[in-house]
Protein backbone atom coordinates (compact mmCIF):
# COMPACT_ATOMS: atom_id res chain seq x y z
CA UNK A 1 50.10 -104.07 -189.29
CA UNK A 2 48.53 -106.15 -192.18
CA UNK A 3 45.22 -104.46 -191.30
CA UNK A 4 46.72 -100.86 -191.54
CA UNK A 5 48.38 -101.75 -194.99
CA UNK A 6 45.23 -103.51 -196.50
CA UNK A 7 42.88 -100.56 -195.33
CA UNK A 8 45.31 -97.98 -196.68
CA UNK A 9 45.52 -99.71 -200.21
CA UNK A 10 41.86 -100.21 -200.12
CA UNK A 11 40.99 -96.50 -199.35
CA UNK A 12 43.66 -94.93 -201.74
CA UNK A 13 42.68 -97.58 -204.49
CA UNK A 14 38.99 -96.04 -204.02
CA UNK A 15 40.16 -92.58 -204.28
CA UNK A 16 42.25 -93.12 -207.41
CA UNK A 17 39.37 -94.92 -209.05
CA UNK A 18 36.73 -92.26 -208.51
CA UNK A 19 39.26 -89.56 -209.55
CA UNK A 20 39.75 -91.38 -212.71
CA UNK A 21 35.88 -91.68 -213.49
CA UNK A 22 35.75 -88.01 -212.95
CA UNK A 23 38.55 -87.11 -215.42
CA UNK A 24 37.30 -89.39 -217.96
CA UNK A 25 33.80 -87.85 -217.90
CA UNK A 26 35.14 -84.38 -218.04
CA UNK A 27 37.52 -85.29 -220.96
CA UNK A 28 34.40 -86.91 -222.84
CA UNK A 29 32.20 -83.56 -222.13
CA UNK A 30 35.06 -81.48 -223.27
CA UNK A 31 35.98 -83.43 -226.48
CA UNK A 32 32.13 -83.68 -227.60
CA UNK A 33 31.90 -80.15 -226.86
CA UNK A 34 34.95 -79.21 -229.10
CA UNK A 35 33.98 -81.47 -231.86
CA UNK A 36 30.18 -80.15 -231.85
CA UNK A 37 31.49 -76.58 -231.98
CA UNK A 38 33.66 -77.50 -234.78
CA UNK A 39 31.29 -79.17 -236.95
CA UNK A 40 28.61 -76.40 -236.37
CA UNK A 41 31.36 -73.53 -237.30
CA UNK A 42 32.24 -76.05 -240.46
CA UNK A 43 28.54 -75.98 -241.64
CA UNK A 44 28.42 -72.17 -241.07
CA UNK A 45 31.59 -71.75 -243.26
CA UNK A 46 30.39 -73.88 -246.02
CA UNK A 47 27.12 -72.03 -246.50
CA UNK A 48 29.04 -68.74 -246.17
CA UNK A 49 31.81 -69.62 -248.61
CA UNK A 50 29.35 -71.01 -251.24
CA UNK A 51 27.12 -67.88 -251.11
CA UNK A 52 30.26 -65.88 -251.90
CA UNK A 53 31.49 -68.25 -254.54
CA UNK A 54 27.86 -68.03 -256.31
CA UNK A 55 28.21 -64.20 -256.27
CA UNK A 56 31.49 -64.39 -257.55
CA UNK A 57 30.38 -66.53 -260.64
CA UNK A 58 27.40 -64.31 -261.16
CA UNK A 59 29.62 -61.31 -261.34
CA UNK A 60 32.21 -63.05 -263.63
CA UNK A 61 29.16 -64.17 -266.07
CA UNK A 62 27.40 -60.77 -266.01
CA UNK A 63 31.00 -59.01 -266.63
CA UNK A 64 31.87 -61.16 -269.79
CA UNK A 65 28.66 -60.25 -271.49
CA UNK A 66 29.01 -57.56 -274.01
CA UNK A 67 27.70 -54.21 -272.97
CA UNK A 68 26.93 -54.93 -269.25
CA UNK A 69 27.27 -52.01 -266.63
CA UNK A 70 29.98 -53.25 -264.25
CA UNK A 71 28.92 -50.71 -261.50
CA UNK A 72 25.33 -51.90 -261.62
CA UNK A 73 26.35 -55.56 -261.54
CA UNK A 74 28.41 -54.85 -258.36
CA UNK A 75 25.40 -53.19 -256.98
CA UNK A 76 23.32 -56.36 -257.63
CA UNK A 77 26.00 -58.45 -255.52
CA UNK A 78 25.29 -55.91 -252.57
CA UNK A 79 21.47 -56.77 -252.77
CA UNK A 80 22.35 -60.54 -252.53
CA UNK A 81 25.20 -60.51 -249.77
CA UNK A 82 25.05 -58.88 -246.71
CA UNK A 83 26.81 -55.42 -246.46
CA UNK A 84 28.46 -56.72 -243.17
CA UNK A 85 30.07 -59.46 -245.48
CA UNK A 86 31.08 -57.75 -248.53
CA UNK A 87 32.65 -54.37 -248.60
CA UNK A 88 34.34 -54.18 -251.99
CA UNK A 89 34.08 -55.58 -255.51
CA UNK A 90 36.85 -55.14 -257.93
CA UNK A 91 38.19 -56.34 -261.34
CA UNK A 92 42.09 -56.74 -262.01
CA UNK A 93 42.93 -56.83 -265.75
CA UNK A 94 45.19 -59.30 -267.31
CA UNK A 95 48.19 -56.99 -266.96
CA UNK A 96 47.46 -56.88 -263.00
CA UNK A 97 46.11 -53.30 -263.01
CA UNK A 98 43.12 -52.39 -261.20
CA UNK A 99 40.55 -51.72 -263.84
CA UNK A 100 37.39 -51.37 -261.41
CA UNK A 101 36.56 -50.82 -257.90
CA UNK A 102 33.00 -50.17 -256.57
CA UNK A 103 34.58 -47.95 -253.90
CA UNK A 104 36.10 -45.18 -256.41
CA UNK A 105 36.62 -44.30 -259.64
CA UNK A 106 39.85 -45.60 -260.95
CA UNK A 107 42.03 -42.59 -262.14
CA UNK A 108 45.64 -43.47 -261.20
CA UNK A 109 47.55 -46.65 -262.25
CA UNK A 110 47.40 -49.27 -259.25
CA UNK A 111 49.65 -52.43 -260.01
CA UNK A 112 48.25 -55.46 -258.12
CA UNK A 113 50.42 -58.04 -260.12
CA UNK A 114 52.26 -58.76 -257.04
CA UNK A 115 49.24 -59.89 -255.23
CA UNK A 116 48.82 -63.55 -254.19
CA UNK A 117 45.52 -64.37 -255.87
CA UNK A 118 46.42 -62.51 -259.12
CA UNK A 119 49.63 -64.65 -259.48
CA UNK A 120 47.95 -67.83 -258.59
CA UNK A 121 44.87 -67.45 -261.28
CA UNK A 122 47.49 -66.38 -263.93
CA UNK A 123 49.74 -69.33 -263.33
CA UNK A 124 47.27 -72.03 -263.12
CA UNK A 125 45.03 -73.00 -265.92
CA UNK A 126 42.08 -74.53 -263.78
CA UNK A 127 38.82 -72.43 -262.83
CA UNK A 128 38.39 -72.47 -259.12
CA UNK A 129 37.90 -70.15 -255.90
CA UNK A 130 40.79 -68.95 -254.34
CA UNK A 131 40.82 -67.70 -250.66
CA UNK A 132 43.75 -65.27 -250.00
CA UNK A 133 45.62 -64.49 -246.78
CA UNK A 134 44.36 -61.32 -245.13
CA UNK A 135 45.36 -58.25 -246.83
CA UNK A 136 45.26 -54.55 -246.33
CA UNK A 137 43.57 -52.94 -249.52
CA UNK A 138 45.40 -50.48 -251.57
CA UNK A 139 42.06 -48.78 -252.29
CA UNK A 140 39.79 -49.76 -249.16
CA UNK A 141 42.65 -49.21 -246.78
CA UNK A 142 40.93 -52.11 -244.66
CA UNK A 143 41.79 -55.57 -243.63
CA UNK A 144 40.10 -58.12 -245.89
CA UNK A 145 40.29 -61.57 -247.16
CA UNK A 146 40.11 -61.90 -251.02
CA UNK A 147 37.73 -64.28 -252.46
CA UNK A 148 38.78 -64.54 -256.30
CA UNK A 149 37.96 -66.33 -259.57
CA UNK A 150 39.66 -66.16 -263.04
CA UNK A 151 38.17 -64.26 -265.71
CA UNK A 152 38.46 -65.96 -269.23
CA UNK A 153 38.33 -64.42 -272.79
CA UNK A 154 36.42 -65.72 -275.54
CA UNK A 155 39.22 -68.04 -276.60
CA UNK A 156 39.33 -69.55 -273.14
CA UNK A 157 42.51 -67.80 -272.09
CA UNK A 158 43.19 -65.75 -268.95
CA UNK A 159 41.79 -62.27 -268.96
CA UNK A 160 41.84 -60.94 -265.26
CA UNK A 161 40.66 -61.81 -261.81
CA UNK A 162 37.16 -61.05 -260.16
CA UNK A 163 37.69 -59.93 -256.80
CA UNK A 164 35.18 -60.07 -253.62
CA UNK A 165 36.66 -58.39 -250.34
CA UNK A 166 35.27 -59.83 -247.22
CA UNK A 167 35.55 -58.40 -243.80
CA UNK A 168 37.53 -61.07 -241.61
CA UNK A 169 35.44 -60.33 -238.69
CA UNK A 170 32.27 -61.85 -240.42
CA UNK A 171 34.16 -65.19 -240.70
CA UNK A 172 34.07 -65.35 -236.86
CA UNK A 173 30.54 -64.32 -236.38
CA UNK A 174 29.54 -67.65 -235.80
CA UNK A 175 30.72 -67.09 -232.05
CA UNK A 176 27.58 -65.18 -231.39
CA UNK A 177 25.47 -67.91 -231.46
CA UNK A 178 27.46 -70.31 -229.13
CA UNK A 179 28.44 -69.59 -225.66
CA UNK A 180 32.43 -69.57 -225.30
CA UNK A 181 34.11 -69.65 -221.79
CA UNK A 182 36.67 -66.95 -221.15
CA UNK A 183 39.66 -68.94 -222.63
CA UNK A 184 37.76 -71.01 -225.37
CA UNK A 185 38.74 -70.48 -229.07
CA UNK A 186 37.19 -70.77 -232.47
CA UNK A 187 39.65 -70.33 -235.24
CA UNK A 188 39.89 -70.62 -239.41
CA UNK A 189 43.14 -71.40 -240.95
CA UNK A 190 44.42 -71.82 -244.58
CA UNK A 191 46.16 -74.93 -245.63
CA UNK A 192 49.59 -73.13 -245.28
CA UNK A 193 48.80 -72.49 -241.62
CA UNK A 194 47.81 -68.72 -242.03
CA UNK A 195 45.34 -67.66 -239.42
CA UNK A 196 42.23 -65.88 -240.96
CA UNK A 197 40.23 -65.61 -237.90
CA UNK A 198 40.41 -66.35 -234.18
CA UNK A 199 37.70 -65.61 -231.56
CA UNK A 200 38.72 -65.65 -227.86
CA UNK A 201 36.01 -66.06 -225.21
CA UNK A 202 33.42 -64.66 -227.55
CA UNK A 203 35.69 -61.73 -228.63
CA UNK A 204 37.09 -61.10 -231.92
CA UNK A 205 40.81 -61.31 -231.79
CA UNK A 206 42.47 -59.30 -234.71
CA UNK A 207 46.07 -59.04 -233.31
CA UNK A 208 46.86 -62.60 -234.67
CA UNK A 209 45.35 -61.92 -238.06
CA UNK A 210 47.62 -63.22 -240.81
CA UNK A 211 50.11 -65.21 -238.48
CA UNK A 212 51.56 -68.52 -239.38
CA UNK A 213 50.86 -70.90 -236.65
CA UNK A 214 52.99 -74.12 -235.97
CA UNK A 215 52.48 -77.38 -237.61
CA UNK A 216 49.85 -79.75 -236.27
CA UNK A 217 49.22 -83.27 -237.05
CA UNK A 218 45.60 -82.68 -238.35
CA UNK A 219 47.49 -80.27 -241.05
CA UNK A 220 49.07 -83.47 -242.61
CA UNK A 221 47.35 -84.35 -246.03
CA UNK A 222 46.46 -87.89 -244.96
CA UNK A 223 45.18 -86.93 -241.64
CA UNK A 224 41.24 -87.68 -241.12
CA UNK A 225 38.96 -84.93 -242.15
CA UNK A 226 37.69 -84.42 -238.40
CA UNK A 227 38.96 -85.32 -235.08
CA UNK A 228 40.00 -84.25 -231.61
CA UNK A 229 43.33 -83.86 -229.58
CA UNK A 230 44.81 -82.09 -226.80
CA UNK A 231 47.59 -79.30 -227.25
CA UNK A 232 49.32 -76.26 -225.54
CA UNK A 233 48.80 -73.13 -227.88
CA UNK A 234 51.95 -71.39 -229.03
CA UNK A 235 50.03 -68.23 -229.30
CA UNK A 236 49.02 -67.44 -226.00
CA UNK A 237 50.38 -70.71 -224.05
CA UNK A 238 46.76 -71.95 -222.72
CA UNK A 239 46.33 -75.87 -222.73
CA UNK A 240 43.18 -76.79 -224.49
CA UNK A 241 41.12 -79.55 -225.93
CA UNK A 242 40.97 -79.14 -229.62
CA UNK A 243 38.23 -80.36 -232.04
CA UNK A 244 38.78 -79.75 -235.66
CA UNK A 245 37.11 -80.00 -239.33
CA UNK A 246 38.71 -79.86 -242.70
CA UNK A 247 37.05 -78.20 -245.67
CA UNK A 248 39.25 -79.86 -248.29
CA UNK A 249 37.37 -78.21 -251.08
CA UNK A 250 38.65 -74.69 -250.13
CA UNK A 251 41.97 -75.67 -248.45
CA UNK A 252 40.79 -74.45 -245.05
CA UNK A 253 41.05 -75.91 -241.26
CA UNK A 254 38.20 -75.03 -238.83
CA UNK A 255 39.20 -75.70 -235.09
CA UNK A 256 37.43 -75.19 -231.82
CA UNK A 257 39.47 -75.25 -228.65
CA UNK A 258 38.11 -75.62 -225.21
CA UNK A 259 40.02 -74.59 -222.10
CA UNK A 260 41.60 -77.65 -220.31
CA UNK A 261 41.42 -75.74 -216.94
CA UNK A 262 37.91 -74.92 -217.08
CA UNK A 263 36.87 -78.15 -218.48
CA UNK A 264 38.50 -80.01 -215.64
CA UNK A 265 37.42 -77.87 -212.96
CA UNK A 266 34.84 -80.21 -211.52
CA UNK A 267 37.36 -83.27 -211.86
CA UNK A 268 39.91 -81.20 -210.35
CA UNK A 269 37.89 -80.18 -207.39
CA UNK A 270 36.55 -84.03 -206.74
CA UNK A 271 40.57 -84.97 -206.95
CA UNK A 272 41.31 -82.60 -204.15
CA UNK A 273 38.58 -83.60 -202.00
CA UNK A 274 39.63 -87.22 -202.57
CA UNK A 275 43.22 -86.49 -201.76
CA UNK A 276 42.13 -84.76 -198.51
CA UNK A 277 39.97 -87.79 -197.70
CA UNK A 278 42.69 -90.20 -198.58
CA UNK A 279 45.05 -88.29 -196.45
CA UNK A 280 43.02 -88.09 -193.60
CA UNK A 281 42.18 -91.81 -193.79
CA UNK A 282 45.80 -92.45 -194.04
CA UNK A 283 46.60 -90.58 -190.78
CA UNK A 284 43.68 -92.07 -189.13
CA UNK A 285 44.75 -95.67 -190.18
CA UNK A 286 48.25 -94.88 -188.90
CA UNK A 287 46.94 -93.76 -185.47
CA UNK A 288 44.83 -96.92 -185.49
CA UNK A 289 48.10 -99.04 -185.50
CA UNK A 290 49.26 -97.29 -182.11
CA UNK A 291 46.41 -98.89 -180.06
CA UNK A 292 43.49 -101.28 -180.43
CA UNK A 293 41.11 -98.66 -178.76
CA UNK A 294 42.27 -95.84 -181.16
CA UNK A 295 42.20 -98.36 -184.08
CA UNK A 296 38.59 -99.24 -183.33
CA UNK A 297 37.85 -95.55 -183.25
CA UNK A 298 39.65 -94.90 -186.43
CA UNK A 299 37.90 -97.60 -188.42
CA UNK A 300 34.68 -96.39 -187.54
CA UNK A 301 35.43 -92.90 -188.53
CA UNK A 302 36.83 -94.21 -191.75
CA UNK A 303 33.67 -95.98 -192.28
CA UNK A 304 31.89 -92.50 -191.96
CA UNK A 305 34.45 -90.85 -194.04
CA UNK A 306 34.09 -93.16 -197.07
CA UNK A 307 30.41 -93.01 -196.85
CA UNK A 308 30.53 -89.23 -197.01
CA UNK A 309 33.00 -89.30 -199.92
CA UNK A 310 30.83 -91.88 -201.62
CA UNK A 311 27.71 -89.74 -201.38
CA UNK A 312 29.47 -86.69 -202.41
CA UNK A 313 31.22 -88.43 -205.46
CA UNK A 314 27.78 -89.90 -206.47
CA UNK A 315 26.21 -86.52 -206.23
CA UNK A 316 28.97 -85.15 -208.47
CA UNK A 317 28.68 -88.14 -210.82
CA UNK A 318 24.92 -87.29 -211.05
CA UNK A 319 25.86 -83.59 -211.72
CA UNK A 320 28.28 -84.63 -214.50
CA UNK A 321 25.52 -87.16 -215.91
CA UNK A 322 22.99 -83.92 -215.93
CA UNK A 323 25.75 -81.84 -217.58
CA UNK A 324 26.08 -84.61 -220.35
CA UNK A 325 22.36 -84.80 -220.83
CA UNK A 326 22.33 -80.82 -221.32
CA UNK A 327 25.26 -80.95 -223.69
CA UNK A 328 23.15 -83.46 -225.71
CA UNK A 329 20.24 -81.23 -225.74
CA UNK A 330 22.60 -78.25 -226.68
CA UNK A 331 24.06 -80.56 -229.59
CA UNK A 332 20.20 -81.05 -231.00
CA UNK A 333 19.95 -77.28 -230.51
CA UNK A 334 22.87 -76.49 -232.53
CA UNK A 335 21.66 -78.97 -235.44
CA UNK A 336 18.58 -76.90 -235.44
CA UNK A 337 20.46 -73.61 -235.44
CA UNK A 338 22.66 -74.92 -238.30
CA UNK A 339 19.58 -75.21 -240.31
CA UNK A 340 17.22 -72.31 -239.29
CA UNK A 341 17.63 -68.64 -240.14
CA UNK A 342 18.12 -66.93 -236.63
CA UNK A 343 16.04 -63.87 -237.82
CA UNK A 344 13.30 -64.98 -239.63
CA UNK A 345 12.71 -68.33 -237.95
CA UNK A 346 12.38 -70.21 -241.00
CA UNK A 347 14.53 -72.92 -242.75
CA UNK A 348 17.94 -71.68 -244.33
CA UNK A 349 19.73 -72.60 -247.60
CA UNK A 350 21.17 -75.74 -246.18
CA UNK A 351 17.66 -77.07 -244.95
CA UNK A 352 16.11 -75.88 -248.09
CA UNK A 353 18.41 -77.78 -250.29
CA UNK A 354 18.04 -80.94 -248.47
CA UNK A 355 14.32 -80.81 -248.39
CA UNK A 356 14.20 -79.90 -252.13
CA UNK A 357 16.44 -82.73 -253.19
CA UNK A 358 14.19 -85.20 -251.32
CA UNK A 359 10.97 -83.64 -253.10
CA UNK A 360 12.79 -83.51 -256.51
CA UNK A 361 13.74 -87.52 -256.04
CA UNK A 362 10.10 -88.40 -255.15
CA UNK A 363 8.53 -86.28 -257.78
CA UNK A 364 10.70 -87.64 -260.54
CA UNK A 365 9.95 -91.17 -259.47
CA UNK A 366 6.31 -90.65 -259.62
CA UNK A 367 6.25 -88.33 -262.54
CA UNK A 368 4.69 -85.65 -260.65
CA UNK A 369 4.58 -81.81 -260.80
CA UNK A 370 7.12 -79.93 -258.91
CA UNK A 371 7.93 -76.22 -258.72
CA UNK A 372 10.39 -73.83 -257.14
CA UNK A 373 9.62 -70.08 -256.28
CA UNK A 374 12.66 -67.65 -255.81
CA UNK A 375 11.49 -64.22 -254.53
CA UNK A 376 13.74 -61.11 -253.75
CA UNK A 377 12.65 -57.90 -251.89
CA UNK A 378 12.75 -55.00 -254.37
CA UNK A 379 15.05 -52.14 -253.32
CA UNK A 380 15.83 -53.67 -250.21
CA UNK A 381 19.23 -51.64 -249.76
CA UNK A 382 17.28 -48.44 -250.15
CA UNK A 383 15.36 -49.55 -246.81
CA UNK A 384 18.33 -50.16 -245.04
CA UNK A 385 20.09 -46.94 -246.24
CA UNK A 386 17.08 -44.77 -245.45
CA UNK A 387 15.63 -46.29 -242.01
CA UNK A 388 18.59 -48.18 -240.73
CA UNK A 389 19.44 -51.99 -240.50
CA UNK A 390 16.86 -52.64 -237.57
CA UNK A 391 14.06 -51.51 -240.07
CA UNK A 392 15.67 -53.97 -242.80
CA UNK A 393 15.48 -56.71 -240.37
CA UNK A 394 11.87 -55.77 -239.57
CA UNK A 395 10.97 -55.87 -243.19
CA UNK A 396 12.55 -59.35 -243.59
CA UNK A 397 10.40 -60.67 -240.72
CA UNK A 398 7.28 -58.79 -241.85
CA UNK A 399 7.49 -60.06 -245.44
CA UNK A 400 8.21 -63.73 -243.90
CA UNK A 401 5.01 -63.57 -241.67
CA UNK A 402 2.74 -62.52 -244.80
CA UNK A 403 4.14 -65.33 -247.06
CA UNK A 404 4.07 -68.18 -244.51
CA UNK A 405 0.41 -67.58 -243.64
CA UNK A 406 -0.41 -68.14 -247.34
CA UNK A 407 1.31 -71.32 -247.98
CA UNK A 408 0.48 -75.06 -247.50
CA UNK A 409 1.74 -77.33 -244.53
CA UNK A 410 3.60 -79.51 -247.41
CA UNK A 411 5.05 -76.21 -248.84
CA UNK A 412 8.86 -75.33 -247.72
CA UNK A 413 9.47 -71.63 -247.04
CA UNK A 414 13.22 -70.76 -246.75
CA UNK A 415 15.55 -67.91 -246.45
CA UNK A 416 18.26 -68.57 -248.97
CA UNK A 417 20.28 -65.31 -248.98
CA UNK A 418 20.09 -61.68 -247.68
CA UNK A 419 16.80 -60.59 -248.92
CA UNK A 420 16.22 -63.62 -250.92
CA UNK A 421 13.64 -66.54 -250.20
CA UNK A 422 12.56 -69.79 -252.06
CA UNK A 423 9.54 -71.77 -251.83
CA UNK A 424 9.36 -75.72 -252.51
CA UNK A 425 5.59 -76.31 -253.85
CA UNK A 426 5.16 -79.95 -254.25
CA UNK A 427 2.41 -81.32 -256.46
CA UNK A 428 2.22 -78.05 -258.19
CA UNK A 429 2.47 -77.15 -262.04
CA UNK A 430 3.65 -73.81 -263.76
CA UNK A 431 0.23 -72.45 -263.81
CA UNK A 432 -0.31 -73.46 -260.07
CA UNK A 433 2.98 -72.12 -259.09
CA UNK A 434 2.34 -68.74 -260.83
CA UNK A 435 -1.19 -68.27 -259.20
CA UNK A 436 0.48 -68.95 -255.88
CA UNK A 437 3.18 -66.55 -256.56
CA UNK A 438 1.08 -63.70 -257.65
CA UNK A 439 -1.09 -64.25 -254.79
CA UNK A 440 2.10 -63.70 -252.57
CA UNK A 441 3.50 -60.91 -254.56
CA UNK A 442 0.06 -58.80 -254.16
CA UNK A 443 -0.28 -59.61 -250.48
CA UNK A 444 3.23 -58.29 -249.82
CA UNK A 445 2.54 -55.23 -252.00
CA UNK A 446 -0.78 -54.86 -250.05
CA UNK A 447 1.10 -54.92 -246.54
CA UNK A 448 2.02 -52.10 -244.16
CA UNK A 449 5.02 -53.09 -242.17
CA UNK A 450 5.51 -51.61 -238.87
CA UNK A 451 8.98 -50.22 -238.14
CA UNK A 452 9.54 -48.47 -234.99
CA UNK A 453 8.75 -45.01 -233.47
CA UNK A 454 5.76 -44.78 -235.43
CA UNK A 455 7.20 -45.24 -238.79
CA UNK A 456 5.72 -48.05 -241.38
CA UNK A 457 6.80 -49.03 -244.87
CA UNK A 458 5.58 -50.99 -247.89
CA UNK A 459 7.83 -53.06 -250.24
CA UNK A 460 7.33 -55.02 -253.14
CA UNK A 461 8.75 -58.41 -254.45
CA UNK A 462 10.24 -59.71 -257.66
CA UNK A 463 9.58 -63.32 -258.38
CA UNK A 464 11.06 -66.20 -260.48
CA UNK A 465 9.58 -69.80 -260.86
CA UNK A 466 10.92 -72.77 -262.28
CA UNK A 467 9.22 -76.40 -262.77
CA UNK A 468 10.72 -79.76 -263.01
CA UNK A 469 10.95 -81.20 -266.62
CA UNK A 470 13.08 -83.95 -268.17
CA UNK A 471 16.19 -81.75 -268.53
CA UNK A 472 16.73 -80.95 -264.82
CA UNK A 473 19.24 -83.31 -262.90
CA UNK A 474 19.28 -81.41 -259.81
CA UNK A 475 17.90 -78.82 -257.41
CA UNK A 476 20.75 -76.44 -258.48
CA UNK A 477 19.47 -76.84 -262.21
CA UNK A 478 15.95 -75.66 -261.25
CA UNK A 479 17.12 -73.09 -258.72
CA UNK A 480 19.47 -71.64 -261.64
CA UNK A 481 16.54 -71.39 -264.00
CA UNK A 482 14.32 -69.72 -261.17
CA UNK A 483 17.30 -67.32 -260.63
CA UNK A 484 17.19 -66.46 -264.16
CA UNK A 485 13.39 -65.73 -264.24
CA UNK A 486 13.77 -63.80 -261.05
CA UNK A 487 16.67 -61.55 -262.70
CA UNK A 488 14.14 -61.20 -265.75
CA UNK A 489 11.49 -59.92 -263.42
CA UNK A 490 13.80 -57.53 -261.82
CA UNK A 491 15.18 -56.50 -265.21
CA UNK A 492 11.55 -55.54 -266.53
CA UNK A 493 10.67 -53.25 -263.93
CA UNK A 494 10.40 -55.53 -260.43
CA UNK A 495 7.27 -56.21 -258.70
CA UNK A 496 6.22 -58.67 -261.11
CA UNK A 497 6.43 -62.67 -261.41
CA UNK A 498 8.09 -64.40 -264.36
CA UNK A 499 7.71 -68.02 -265.26
CA UNK A 500 10.43 -70.07 -266.82
CA UNK A 501 9.71 -71.29 -270.26
CA UNK A 502 10.50 -74.81 -269.17
CA UNK A 503 7.12 -74.64 -267.06
CA UNK A 504 5.18 -75.45 -270.19
CA UNK A 505 7.08 -78.78 -270.78
CA UNK A 506 5.67 -82.25 -269.94
CA UNK A 507 7.70 -84.31 -267.21
């Protein structure tokens, strides 16, 4: 009897121990996957929101200049931001009435003073980017999320609101770059728990747009900026592992949710096998207690069974280890993805800023020449409107190919906007940067870019140059100066290079 009890305890201890190992491994993989997706989605949104905010501030700056044509300014924004992202630019006057919309001429009195974004900017004195709840536009009749900034008059008083209307679907397009299982979810929420975007299993889920979700621990003000937890969704009742990231600057939360059932499928299968083996072993041990001969036979079978289970568990353990290694590789790929433009296969704005800041610090320390070139494809919207967006993509890739062949290995070439590119030129003064820029401009103008079905097109670029001087404190300063030179090039007829006046100064 003692032998039976000891054997049974040993058997079930072995079974439960291995089941626990499998569950721990599955949980580790699921939590890592959720946190990794949340981090990558966080980086995607930071880039997108900052791009939108820069456009809103540019619109406000140009709008407050006397004699500026609002319609022309709004069209410039569409050349900077993707048409899939931005579909309406509007201005609300200080009285809450719609004074401008790029979608139609304002002929009737449209009162928007009840809109949340108007009231918030009117009541608060500080200057900030506000992100609204999903709204149905009274002019566009489309669902949108409003990105807004306050307009000031020459006395610094409230004078209205700049409104950029963004398609909510665009905020979830990050899901196209990752693989989501059928019940996996990525979502974006405001600080007031309003749902701005939700993607389920790779499909954009519009039916819950604008819903207010229940309070979660990560929504508390003093909760960490990132973390992982387990919860059952009140929306669809699915139990999930959740990774989250806070965007405190904008009052937003990013969550990535991995389906619990799918994540633990391997360990559940191993548990079922373990229970079957444990039950079978217990039955055999019970029979062994009936007679010595049966007991001997049972012990032999138990040995074989345990050995088989050990081999199967070992194989499954190795499978989980392979999955973990694959997950690490995927994490590395996502890091590359977060810093690479998926169309042109060159660094994106995030990577460009990182490299530029490193180079700026080095060149300032050693008092060396340093230049940044910003270039923009002229009349790019005309190419899209005339030949379609596939042709526009072909032009972006073609221009990228022409420019990359003519740069040094030490130069950093990146796509920082829709059809806008930038180049870091180390050890290069203003004259050298101008020579490089002119060479690139001429090469692009001389290149015939193939589209499809026997079609081809030529395009030109406008270029702005800024150089390091003692007034620059950051990469943002130099980029702003390069952008001013670029807008000067566009304003003077396009297909030309303009060098910022600071390029003649000594470092």
